[in-house]
């Protein structure tokens, strides 16, 4: 794991990568939201053209997400995003390429197309 990000919980790193996945698909940052639920989920939500697409980035078979108080959650997310934004591009790409969301890119893209949220570029 990246030493810059290693002090953050894995779900936070996965949330950064899910955010990155949406950005790489040219969705605006103001359409992407991060939140946690009382059920132990850490969600990345894309709201685009009146529709929502939600990803729970916690691998519930291997880990749990401990609910943080809202202020603490906002601080952790802000800190992680700041670190992400200062990573050298090759390092950010390496972290993204090793993420769960990247390993599920085909599923993600197919679902976004199916929902009408994304139209794959034509050549």
Foldseek 3Di string as FASTA:
>chain_A
DDPLCVVADPLLLLLVLVLVLVVVLVDDNVQWDWDADPVQFTWIWGQDPNDIDIDGSDPVVPDTHDDDPPVVVVVSNVSNVVSLVPDDVVVNVVSSCPHPCVVCVVVVVVVCVVVVNHDDDDD
